[in-house]
């Protein structure tokens, strides 16, 4: 990632740089992963909720879905809903390259959704995808941290999991199960 040389004192600019740094780290973590490795599911112990079953494919779908839903709720007047994003995930299925392309599209949507914010906009309340109101800066920061968090998961999973021979369930499948269980 190139080192910026024109750092004006702008919080929006710094948040953009932070988001792009987290995105770059995520792309580095995904580099070289093939479809069979993306399908591998770890043996889970404990009760932690990872928002997926733990496959790299599902994490990528979760990241794309989160970027779209947060952007839509906070900056695009609820342009997309859960039905829309899960329909897209079901359409993509377990095809690794299609899901990577979707993640790139979701990231562009995310970044452009708040690209024109002013300094004053950063403290204005914005709706989250679950209906709470947070300041814009917190929503932006959350997605940057989200990318970084899952970059670490992906790096660990790629190091320890052997490739799978069969496609794993998708994020849409997991979400339907979660909704059925009252989560």
C-alpha atoms as a PDB file:
ATOM      1  CA  UNK A   1       0.000   0.000   0.000  1.00  0.00           C
ATOM      2  CA  UNK A   2       1.489   3.359  -0.981  1.00  0.00           C
ATOM      3  CA  UNK A   3       2.327   5.793   1.797  1.00  0.00           C
ATOM      4  CA  UNK A   4       0.191   8.937   1.463  1.00  0.00           C
ATOM      5  CA  UNK A   5       2.163  12.154   1.139  1.00  0.00           C
ATOM      6  CA  UNK A   6      -0.694  14.686   1.129  1.00  0.00           C
ATOM      7  CA  UNK A   7      -2.094  14.311   4.622  1.00  0.00           C
ATOM      8  CA  UNK A   8      -4.288  17.331   5.147  1.00  0.00           C
ATOM      9  CA  UNK A   9      -5.763  17.688   8.636  1.00  0.00           C
ATOM     10  CA  UNK A  10      -9.067  16.058   7.784  1.00  0.00           C
ATOM     11  CA  UNK A  11     -10.759  13.446   9.922  1.00  0.00           C
ATOM     12  CA  UNK A  12     -12.681  12.204   6.883  1.00  0.00           C
ATOM     13  CA  UNK A  13      -9.397  11.740   5.021  1.00  0.00           C
ATOM     14  CA  UNK A  14      -7.875   9.829   7.944  1.00  0.00           C
ATOM     15  CA  UNK A  15     -10.958   7.606   8.190  1.00  0.00           C
ATOM     16  CA  UNK A  16     -10.677   6.910   4.463  1.00  0.00           C
ATOM     17  CA  UNK A  17      -7.007   5.992   4.844  1.00  0.00           C
ATOM     18  CA  UNK A  18      -7.865   3.735   7.800  1.00  0.00           C
ATOM     19  CA  UNK A  19     -10.613   2.001   5.813  1.00  0.00           C
ATOM     20  CA  UNK A  20      -8.285   1.482   2.851  1.00  0.00           C
ATOM     21  CA  UNK A  21      -5.539   0.127   5.126  1.00  0.00           C
ATOM     22  CA  UNK A  22      -7.955  -2.410   6.631  1.00  0.00           C
ATOM     23  CA  UNK A  23      -9.166  -3.306   3.119  1.00  0.00           C
ATOM     24  CA  UNK A  24      -5.575  -3.808   1.978  1.00  0.00           C
ATOM     25  CA  UNK A  25      -4.916  -6.106   4.927  1.00  0.00           C
ATOM     26  CA  UNK A  26      -8.032  -8.093   4.041  1.00  0.00           C
ATOM     27  CA  UNK A  27      -6.930  -8.443   0.415  1.00  0.00           C
ATOM     28  CA  UNK A  28      -3.505  -9.608   1.598  1.00  0.00           C
ATOM     29  CA  UNK A  29      -5.153 -12.256   3.799  1.00  0.00           C
ATOM     30  CA  UNK A  30      -7.268 -13.458   0.849  1.00  0.00           C
ATOM     31  CA  UNK A  31      -4.380 -13.542  -1.634  1.00  0.00           C
ATOM     32  CA  UNK A  32      -3.792 -17.028  -3.024  1.00  0.00           C
ATOM     33  CA  UNK A  33      -6.775 -18.734  -1.396  1.00  0.00           C
ATOM     34  CA  UNK A  34      -8.440 -21.123  -3.807  1.00  0.00           C
ATOM     35  CA  UNK A  35     -12.020 -22.342  -3.838  1.00  0.00           C
ATOM     36  CA  UNK A  36     -11.386 -25.601  -1.993  1.00  0.00           C
ATOM     37  CA  UNK A  37      -9.522 -23.834   0.794  1.00  0.00           C
ATOM     38  CA  UNK A  38     -12.326 -21.247   1.003  1.00  0.00           C
ATOM     39  CA  UNK A  39     -14.839 -24.061   1.506  1.00  0.00           C
ATOM     40  CA  UNK A  40     -13.017 -25.688   4.457  1.00  0.00           C
ATOM     41  CA  UNK A  41     -14.895 -25.540   7.752  1.00  0.00           C
ATOM     42  CA  UNK A  42     -13.055 -25.753  11.090  1.00  0.00           C
ATOM     43  CA  UNK A  43     -14.136 -28.028  13.880  1.00  0.00           C
ATOM     44  CA  UNK A  44     -15.789 -25.623  16.301  1.00  0.00           C
ATOM     45  CA  UNK A  45     -15.634 -25.807  20.069  1.00  0.00           C
ATOM     46  CA  UNK A  46     -17.271 -23.441  22.505  1.00  0.00           C
ATOM     47  CA  UNK A  47     -20.296 -21.226  22.165  1.00  0.00           C
ATOM     48  CA  UNK A  48     -18.917 -18.117  20.469  1.00  0.00           C
ATOM     49  CA  UNK A  49     -20.994 -16.665  17.651  1.00  0.00           C
ATOM     50  CA  UNK A  50     -18.768 -16.065  14.635  1.00  0.00           C
ATOM     51  CA  UNK A  51     -21.685 -15.018  12.367  1.00  0.00           C
ATOM     52  CA  UNK A  52     -20.684 -17.990  10.173  1.00  0.00           C
ATOM     53  CA  UNK A  53     -19.750 -21.657  10.491  1.00  0.00           C
ATOM     54  CA  UNK A  54     -16.145 -20.548  10.108  1.00  0.00           C
ATOM     55  CA  UNK A  55     -15.363 -21.120   6.438  1.00  0.00           C
ATOM     56  CA  UNK A  56     -13.404 -18.450   4.603  1.00  0.00           C
ATOM     57  CA  UNK A  57     -16.167 -18.363   1.976  1.00  0.00           C
ATOM     58  CA  UNK A  58     -18.779 -17.528   4.594  1.00  0.00           C
ATOM     59  CA  UNK A  59     -16.539 -14.877   6.147  1.00  0.00           C
ATOM     60  CA  UNK A  60     -16.176 -13.224   2.726  1.00  0.00           C
ATOM     61  CA  UNK A  61     -19.955 -13.335   2.265  1.00  0.00           C
ATOM     62  CA  UNK A  62     -20.444 -11.928   5.776  1.00  0.00           C
ATOM     63  CA  UNK A  63     -18.011  -9.076   5.075  1.00  0.00           C
ATOM     64  CA  UNK A  64     -19.728  -8.164   1.798  1.00  0.00           C
ATOM     65  CA  UNK A  65     -23.168  -8.328   3.394  1.00  0.00           C
ATOM     66  CA  UNK A  66     -22.066  -6.159   6.314  1.00  0.00           C
ATOM     67  CA  UNK A  67     -20.550  -3.488   4.064  1.00  0.00           C
ATOM     68  CA  UNK A  68     -23.746  -3.296   2.011  1.00  0.00           C
ATOM     69  CA  UNK A  69     -26.117  -3.279   4.985  1.00  0.00           C
ATOM     70  CA  UNK A  70     -24.178  -0.699   7.008  1.00  0.00           C
ATOM     71  CA  UNK A  71     -23.795   1.582   3.964  1.00  0.00           C
ATOM     72  CA  UNK A  72     -27.420   1.180   2.958  1.00  0.00           C
ATOM     73  CA  UNK A  73     -28.777   1.979   6.418  1.00  0.00           C
ATOM     74  CA  UNK A  74     -26.405   4.793   7.351  1.00  0.00           C
ATOM     75  CA  UNK A  75     -25.745   6.577   4.090  1.00  0.00           C
ATOM     76  CA  UNK A  76     -28.165   5.374   1.389  1.00  0.00           C
ATOM     77  CA  UNK A  77     -31.660   5.610   2.946  1.00  0.00           C
ATOM     78  CA  UNK A  78     -32.045   1.816   3.285  1.00  0.00           C
ATOM     79  CA  UNK A  79     -31.463   1.166  -0.397  1.00  0.00           C
ATOM     80  CA  UNK A  80     -31.020  -2.555   0.349  1.00  0.00           C
ATOM     81  CA  UNK A  81     -32.576  -4.834   2.939  1.00  0.00           C
ATOM     82  CA  UNK A  82     -31.661  -8.239   4.367  1.00  0.00           C
ATOM     83  CA  UNK A  83     -33.781 -10.036   1.774  1.00  0.00           C
ATOM     84  CA  UNK A  84     -31.818  -8.291  -0.984  1.00  0.00           C
ATOM     85  CA  UNK A  85     -28.379  -9.170   0.340  1.00  0.00           C
ATOM     86  CA  UNK A  86     -29.239 -12.775   1.156  1.00  0.00           C
ATOM     87  CA  UNK A  87     -30.859 -13.251  -2.252  1.00  0.00           C
ATOM     88  CA  UNK A  88     -27.559 -12.119  -3.783  1.00  0.00           C
ATOM     89  CA  UNK A  89     -25.549 -14.501  -1.592  1.00  0.00           C
ATOM     90  CA  UNK A  90     -27.849 -17.386  -2.540  1.00  0.00           C
ATOM     91  CA  UNK A  91     -27.421 -16.453  -6.202  1.00  0.00           C
ATOM     92  CA  UNK A  92     -23.622 -16.515  -5.855  1.00  0.00           C
ATOM     93  CA  UNK A  93     -23.636 -19.841  -4.006  1.00  0.00           C
ATOM     94  CA  UNK A  94     -20.239 -21.321  -3.199  1.00  0.00           C
ATOM     95  CA  UNK A  95     -18.430 -20.014  -6.303  1.00  0.00           C
ATOM     96  CA  UNK A  96     -15.270 -18.517  -4.841  1.00  0.00           C
ATOM     97  CA  UNK A  97     -14.379 -16.051  -7.596  1.00  0.00           C
ATOM     98  CA  UNK A  98     -17.938 -14.745  -7.842  1.00  0.00           C
ATOM     99  CA  UNK A  99     -17.936 -14.130  -4.079  1.00  0.00           C
ATOM    100  CA  UNK A 100     -14.571 -12.340  -4.234  1.00  0.00           C
ATOM    101  CA  UNK A 101     -15.948 -10.120  -7.027  1.00  0.00           C
ATOM    102  CA  UNK A 102     -19.014  -9.434  -4.888  1.00  0.00           C
ATOM    103  CA  UNK A 103     -16.789  -8.457  -1.955  1.00  0.00           C
ATOM    104  CA  UNK A 104     -14.964  -5.960  -4.193  1.00  0.00           C
ATOM    105  CA  UNK A 105     -18.309  -4.541  -5.363  1.00  0.00           C
ATOM    106  CA  UNK A 106     -19.514  -4.289  -1.762  1.00  0.00           C
ATOM    107  CA  UNK A 107     -16.337  -2.472  -0.746  1.00  0.00           C
ATOM    108  CA  UNK A 108     -16.759   0.055  -3.575  1.00  0.00           C
ATOM    109  CA  UNK A 109     -20.386   0.570  -2.520  1.00  0.00           C
ATOM    110  CA  UNK A 110     -19.267   1.056   1.088  1.00  0.00           C
ATOM    111  CA  UNK A 111     -16.520   3.556   0.281  1.00  0.00           C
ATOM    112  CA  UNK A 112     -18.628   5.622  -2.109  1.00  0.00           C
ATOM    113  CA  UNK A 113     -21.551   5.684   0.335  1.00  0.00           C
ATOM    114  CA  UNK A 114     -19.664   8.001   2.688  1.00  0.00           C
ATOM    115  CA  UNK A 115     -17.074   9.537   0.353  1.00  0.00           C
ATOM    116  CA  UNK A 116     -18.700  12.984   0.368  1.00  0.00           C
ATOM    117  CA  UNK A 117     -19.127  13.387   4.117  1.00  0.00           C
ATOM    118  CA  UNK A 118     -17.920  16.590   5.718  1.00  0.00           C
ATOM    119  CA  UNK A 119     -16.161  16.936   9.044  1.00  0.00           C
ATOM    120  CA  UNK A 120     -19.464  17.962  10.634  1.00  0.00           C
ATOM    121  CA  UNK A 121     -21.213  14.902   9.163  1.00  0.00           C
ATOM    122  CA  UNK A 122     -18.928  12.581  11.136  1.00  0.00           C
ATOM    123  CA  UNK A 123     -20.685  13.381  14.400  1.00  0.00           C
ATOM    124  CA  UNK A 124     -24.222  13.326  13.005  1.00  0.00           C
ATOM    125  CA  UNK A 125     -26.382  10.382  14.056  1.00  0.00           C
ATOM    126  CA  UNK A 126     -26.892   7.743  11.379  1.00  0.00           C
ATOM    127  CA  UNK A 127     -29.075   4.669  11.448  1.00  0.00           C
ATOM    128  CA  UNK A 128     -27.444   1.264  11.786  1.00  0.00           C
ATOM    129  CA  UNK A 129     -28.810  -1.763   9.988  1.00  0.00           C
ATOM    130  CA  UNK A 130     -30.550  -2.871  13.211  1.00  0.00           C
ATOM    131  CA  UNK A 131     -32.223   0.494  13.856  1.00  0.00           C
ATOM    132  CA  UNK A 132     -29.981   2.079  16.484  1.00  0.00           C
ATOM    133  CA  UNK A 133     -28.398   5.464  15.854  1.00  0.00           C
ATOM    134  CA  UNK A 134     -24.641   5.932  15.986  1.00  0.00           C
ATOM    135  CA  UNK A 135     -22.463   8.838  14.886  1.00  0.00           C
ATOM    136  CA  UNK A 136     -21.191   8.387  11.325  1.00  0.00           C
ATOM    137  CA  UNK A 137     -17.563   8.102  12.508  1.00  0.00           C
ATOM    138  CA  UNK A 138     -18.440   5.094  14.674  1.00  0.00           C
ATOM    139  CA  UNK A 139     -20.144   3.272  11.804  1.00  0.00           C
ATOM    140  CA  UNK A 140     -17.169   3.892   9.511  1.00  0.00           C
ATOM    141  CA  UNK A 141     -14.710   2.835  12.195  1.00  0.00           C
ATOM    142  CA  UNK A 142     -16.715  -0.317  12.930  1.00  0.00           C
ATOM    143  CA  UNK A 143     -16.472  -1.532   9.332  1.00  0.00           C
ATOM    144  CA  UNK A 144     -12.727  -0.819   9.232  1.00  0.00           C
ATOM    145  CA  UNK A 145     -12.234  -2.800  12.439  1.00  0.00           C
ATOM    146  CA  UNK A 146     -14.527  -5.499  11.059  1.00  0.00           C
ATOM    147  CA  UNK A 147     -12.277  -5.935   8.011  1.00  0.00           C
ATOM    148  CA  UNK A 148      -9.205  -6.154  10.262  1.00  0.00           C
ATOM    149  CA  UNK A 149     -10.831  -8.620  12.655  1.00  0.00           C
ATOM    150  CA  UNK A 150     -11.816 -10.988   9.869  1.00  0.00           C
ATOM    151  CA  UNK A 151      -8.437 -10.593   8.139  1.00  0.00           C
ATOM    152  CA  UNK A 152      -6.908 -12.219  11.195  1.00  0.00           C
ATOM    153  CA  UNK A 153      -9.459 -15.026  11.164  1.00  0.00           C
ATOM    154  CA  UNK A 154      -8.845 -15.681   7.476  1.00  0.00           C
ATOM    155  CA  UNK A 155      -5.060 -15.721   7.944  1.00  0.00           C
ATOM    156  CA  UNK A 156      -5.371 -18.276  10.740  1.00  0.00           C
ATOM    157  CA  UNK A 157      -7.870 -20.451   8.860  1.00  0.00           C
ATOM    158  CA  UNK A 158      -5.768 -20.575   5.714  1.00  0.00           C
ATOM    159  CA  UNK A 159      -2.771 -21.675   7.803  1.00  0.00           C
ATOM    160  CA  UNK A 160      -4.508 -24.526   9.635  1.00  0.00           C
ATOM    161  CA  UNK A 161      -7.294 -25.905   7.417  1.00  0.00           C
ATOM    162  CA  UNK A 162      -6.829 -28.455   4.662  1.00  0.00           C
ATOM    163  CA  UNK A 163      -8.847 -27.859   1.488  1.00  0.00           C
ATOM    164  CA  UNK A 164     -12.386 -29.257   1.354  1.00  0.00           C
ATOM    165  CA  UNK A 165     -13.647 -31.437  -1.459  1.00  0.00           C
ATOM    166  CA  UNK A 166     -17.269 -30.270  -1.274  1.00  0.00           C
ATOM    167  CA  UNK A 167     -18.731 -26.755  -1.177  1.00  0.00           C
ATOM    168  CA  UNK A 168     -19.651 -25.466   2.245  1.00  0.00           C
ATOM    169  CA  UNK A 169     -23.027 -23.912   3.069  1.00  0.00           C
ATOM    170  CA  UNK A 170     -23.316 -20.214   2.320  1.00  0.00           C
ATOM    171  CA  UNK A 171     -23.802 -17.243   4.649  1.00  0.00           C
ATOM    172  CA  UNK A 172     -27.438 -17.111   3.512  1.00  0.00           C
ATOM    173  CA  UNK A 173     -27.931 -20.699   4.730  1.00  0.00           C
ATOM    174  CA  UNK A 174     -26.378 -19.857   8.108  1.00  0.00           C
ATOM    175  CA  UNK A 175     -28.487 -16.721   8.450  1.00  0.00           C
ATOM    176  CA  UNK A 176     -31.686 -18.652   7.781  1.00  0.00           C
ATOM    177  CA  UNK A 177     -30.737 -21.172  10.475  1.00  0.00           C
ATOM    178  CA  UNK A 178     -29.903 -18.324  12.892  1.00  0.00           C
ATOM    179  CA  UNK A 179     -33.235 -16.635  12.217  1.00  0.00           C
ATOM    180  CA  UNK A 180     -35.075 -19.918  12.721  1.00  0.00           C
ATOM    181  CA  UNK A 181     -33.350 -20.316  16.098  1.00  0.00           C
ATOM    182  CA  UNK A 182     -34.481 -16.871  17.225  1.00  0.00           C
ATOM    183  CA  UNK A 183     -31.114 -15.117  16.953  1.00  0.00           C
END
